[in-house]
Protein backbone atom coordinates (compact mmCIF):
# COMPACT_ATOMS: atom_id res chain seq x y z
CA THR A 1 145.51 134.62 26.57
CA TYR A 2 149.20 133.68 26.34
CA THR A 3 151.09 130.48 27.07
CA PRO A 4 154.92 130.78 26.82
CA ARG A 5 156.69 128.19 24.71
CA TYR A 6 153.54 126.30 23.78
CA ARG A 7 154.66 123.25 21.78
CA TYR A 8 152.61 122.32 18.73
CA LYS A 9 152.54 119.88 15.88
CA ILE A 10 151.31 120.35 12.33
CA GLU A 11 149.08 117.62 11.04
CA LYS A 12 147.44 117.85 7.61
CA GLY A 13 148.29 121.52 7.42
CA GLN A 14 146.59 122.32 10.75
CA LYS A 15 148.47 123.58 13.79
CA GLU A 16 147.57 121.65 16.98
CA TYR A 17 148.87 122.78 20.34
CA VAL A 18 150.25 119.93 22.44
CA SER A 19 151.90 121.02 25.71
CA SER A 20 153.81 123.66 27.58
CA ALA A 21 155.87 123.55 30.76
CA TYR A 22 154.64 127.06 31.58
CA PRO A 23 151.36 128.46 32.90
CA THR A 24 148.72 130.19 30.79
CA PHE A 25 148.22 133.91 31.51
CA ALA A 26 145.07 135.85 30.55
CA LEU A 27 143.79 139.38 30.67
CA HIS A 28 140.12 140.12 30.30
CA TYR A 29 138.39 143.46 29.86
CA LYS A 30 134.63 143.98 29.85
CA ALA A 31 132.81 147.32 29.41
CA GLY A 32 129.33 148.73 29.02
CA THR A 33 128.88 152.09 27.33
CA ASP A 34 125.83 154.41 27.08
CA VAL A 35 124.84 154.74 23.45
CA SER A 36 121.43 156.35 24.03
CA ASP A 37 120.18 159.08 26.34
CA LYS A 38 116.64 157.65 26.21
CA HIS A 39 117.23 154.32 27.94
CA ALA A 40 119.13 153.38 31.01
CA MET A 41 122.31 151.63 30.01
CA SER A 42 125.18 150.00 31.81
CA VAL A 43 128.23 152.19 32.03
CA PHE A 44 131.16 150.37 33.57
CA GLY A 45 134.58 148.89 32.90
CA SER A 46 136.10 145.81 34.54
CA ALA A 47 139.43 144.11 34.15
CA ALA A 48 140.71 140.74 35.38
CA ALA A 49 144.01 138.85 35.21
CA SER A 50 144.33 135.07 35.61
CA ILE A 51 146.84 132.29 35.60
CA HIS A 52 146.21 128.54 35.34
CA GLN A 53 148.32 125.46 34.83
CA THR A 54 148.30 121.67 35.03
CA LEU A 55 151.49 120.14 36.31
CA LYS A 56 152.25 116.42 36.01
CA THR A 57 153.85 115.49 39.35
CA SER A 58 154.36 111.79 38.66
CA LEU A 59 153.19 109.02 36.37
CA PHE A 60 150.04 108.66 38.44
CA SER A 61 149.27 112.20 39.60
CA HIS A 62 148.94 115.81 38.56
CA PHE A 63 148.33 119.21 40.16
CA ILE A 64 145.93 121.82 38.76
CA TYR A 65 145.87 125.46 39.95
CA SER A 66 144.27 128.69 38.84
CA ALA A 67 144.01 132.19 40.27
CA THR A 68 142.07 135.22 39.15
CA ALA A 69 141.93 138.82 40.41
CA GLY A 70 139.70 141.46 39.05
CA VAL A 71 138.46 144.97 39.64
CA PHE A 72 135.69 147.31 38.38
CA LEU A 73 137.60 150.29 36.99
CA ASN A 74 134.42 152.34 36.40
CA ARG A 75 131.09 151.74 38.12
CA LYS A 76 129.01 154.69 36.87
CA SER A 77 125.89 152.60 36.17
CA LEU A 78 125.89 148.90 37.06
CA TYR A 79 122.95 146.51 36.85
CA LEU A 80 122.76 143.00 38.28
CA PRO A 81 123.85 141.17 35.07
CA ASP A 82 127.02 143.33 34.98
CA TYR A 83 128.28 142.14 38.40
CA LYS A 84 130.94 139.45 38.64
CA PHE A 85 129.24 136.18 39.64
CA PHE A 86 131.29 133.15 40.63
CA GLN A 87 130.98 129.64 39.18
CA GLN A 88 129.15 127.36 41.56
CA ASN A 89 128.20 123.67 41.80
CA PRO A 90 125.12 123.95 44.06
CA MET A 91 123.43 120.82 42.75
CA VAL A 92 124.01 117.20 43.63
CA VAL A 93 124.25 116.24 39.95
CA THR A 94 125.85 118.74 37.62
CA ASP A 95 127.93 118.93 34.43
CA LYS A 96 130.45 121.34 36.02
CA PHE A 97 133.86 120.25 37.15
CA PHE A 98 135.09 120.63 40.74
CA ASN A 99 138.48 122.15 39.78
CA HIS A 100 137.39 125.74 38.91
CA SER A 101 134.12 126.16 40.84
CA PHE A 102 132.75 126.57 44.34
CA ASN A 103 130.59 123.78 45.70
CA LEU A 104 129.16 125.41 48.92
CA LEU A 105 129.14 129.08 48.03
CA PRO A 106 125.78 130.83 48.66
CA ASP A 107 123.65 131.31 45.56
CA TYR A 108 124.17 134.52 43.59
CA THR A 109 127.39 135.50 45.35
CA TYR A 110 128.74 138.46 43.37
CA SER A 111 131.19 141.30 43.35
CA ASN A 112 130.66 144.87 42.21
CA ARG A 113 134.08 146.31 43.20
CA TYR A 114 136.90 143.71 43.24
CA TRP A 115 137.57 140.06 43.73
CA ALA A 116 140.25 137.41 44.07
CA GLU A 117 139.75 133.69 43.74
CA ALA A 118 142.06 130.69 43.68
CA HIS A 119 141.51 126.99 43.02
CA VAL A 120 143.94 124.12 43.67
CA MET A 121 143.34 120.43 42.86
CA TYR A 122 145.66 117.45 43.36
CA ILE A 123 144.60 114.33 41.48
CA SER A 124 146.27 110.97 42.03
CA ASP A 125 145.57 107.34 41.16
CA TYR A 126 147.03 106.38 44.56
CA LEU A 127 146.07 108.89 47.21
CA LEU A 128 144.09 107.12 50.00
CA LEU A 129 141.65 104.40 48.99
CA LYS A 130 143.73 103.00 46.07
CA ASN A 131 146.48 102.11 48.53
CA LEU A 132 144.17 99.39 49.85
CA PRO A 133 145.14 96.16 48.04
CA PHE A 134 141.54 95.09 47.19
CA LEU A 135 140.82 98.45 45.41
CA GLN A 136 143.99 98.68 43.29
CA ASN A 137 142.44 96.98 40.26
CA TYR A 138 139.60 99.52 39.86
CA LEU A 139 139.81 102.45 37.46
CA PHE A 140 139.21 105.48 39.63
CA ASP A 141 141.28 108.40 40.84
CA GLU A 142 141.14 110.53 43.97
CA ALA A 143 141.54 114.24 44.42
CA LEU A 144 142.06 116.86 47.14
CA HIS A 145 140.53 120.31 46.50
CA LEU A 146 141.04 123.79 47.97
CA HIS A 147 139.05 126.91 46.82
CA PHE A 148 139.36 130.47 48.06
CA LEU A 149 137.33 133.59 47.36
CA ASN A 150 137.47 137.22 48.60
CA ALA A 151 134.85 139.50 47.10
CA ASP A 152 134.67 143.20 47.90
CA ASN A 153 136.54 142.46 51.15
CA ARG A 154 133.19 141.23 52.60
CA PHE A 155 134.39 137.75 53.52
CA ASN A 156 136.94 135.09 52.83
CA HIS A 157 135.16 131.94 51.62
CA ILE A 158 137.35 128.82 51.87
CA GLU A 159 136.40 125.30 50.75
CA GLY A 160 138.30 122.07 51.09
CA GLY A 161 137.31 118.69 49.81
CA TYR A 162 138.01 115.13 48.76
CA SER A 163 136.60 113.49 45.64
CA ILE A 164 136.66 110.22 43.74
CA GLY A 165 136.30 110.18 39.95
CA LEU A 166 136.37 108.16 36.76
CA GLY A 167 138.85 110.24 34.81
CA GLY A 168 137.05 113.17 33.22
CA LEU A 169 133.68 111.38 33.05
CA SER A 170 132.26 111.74 36.56
CA ARG A 171 133.28 112.73 40.06
CA VAL A 172 131.67 112.58 43.50
CA GLY A 173 133.03 114.39 46.53
CA VAL A 174 132.63 115.73 50.06
CA PHE A 175 133.39 119.39 50.79
CA THR A 176 133.47 121.66 53.83
CA ALA A 177 133.26 125.44 53.80
CA PHE A 178 134.46 128.22 56.07
CA ASP A 179 133.68 131.94 55.97
CA GLY A 180 136.83 133.38 57.42
CA LYS A 181 137.52 131.27 60.52
CA LYS A 182 133.82 130.42 61.04
CA PHE A 183 132.51 127.02 59.96
CA ASN A 184 129.83 127.37 57.29
CA SER A 185 128.67 124.00 55.94
CA VAL A 186 129.43 120.49 54.65
CA GLY A 187 128.04 119.10 51.40
């Protein structure tokens, strides 16, 4: 993982990273090797590259984006736990955030060849509801979400949504999903 020009401060002899105007880039490699001829073992190699960043767009809003693309370089012997599964929020109440996960993706969606996913979230204190005068004194923010997934060229899963949250404590939202151009669901 690398973030260019990451500013830091030193406090009590400890380095603490503060901010950067640049995105964070990451490379990830995962492999399984056969160490025994007696037992079936996973033999594979996968690589992924990602980028993510949070941009402050004004005093009251910010924009979060992330994108990841990956491929299985070697698929000699793959078992179900070796596949690439995608983070989901299938439950009504969950501890996962909306900004890096899919909310209406079918359970156990996976890839065993290649994948690409992207997540975009725009959070603002004054998006829709907070523009109403009687709601301006309440401490909540609003967000627009867009999520995209292509796995093994089987389908393009696209989700869009709107949510209301209390900072990083809780968030409730409504999402709609499309598989390609075909409507899938609302949740």
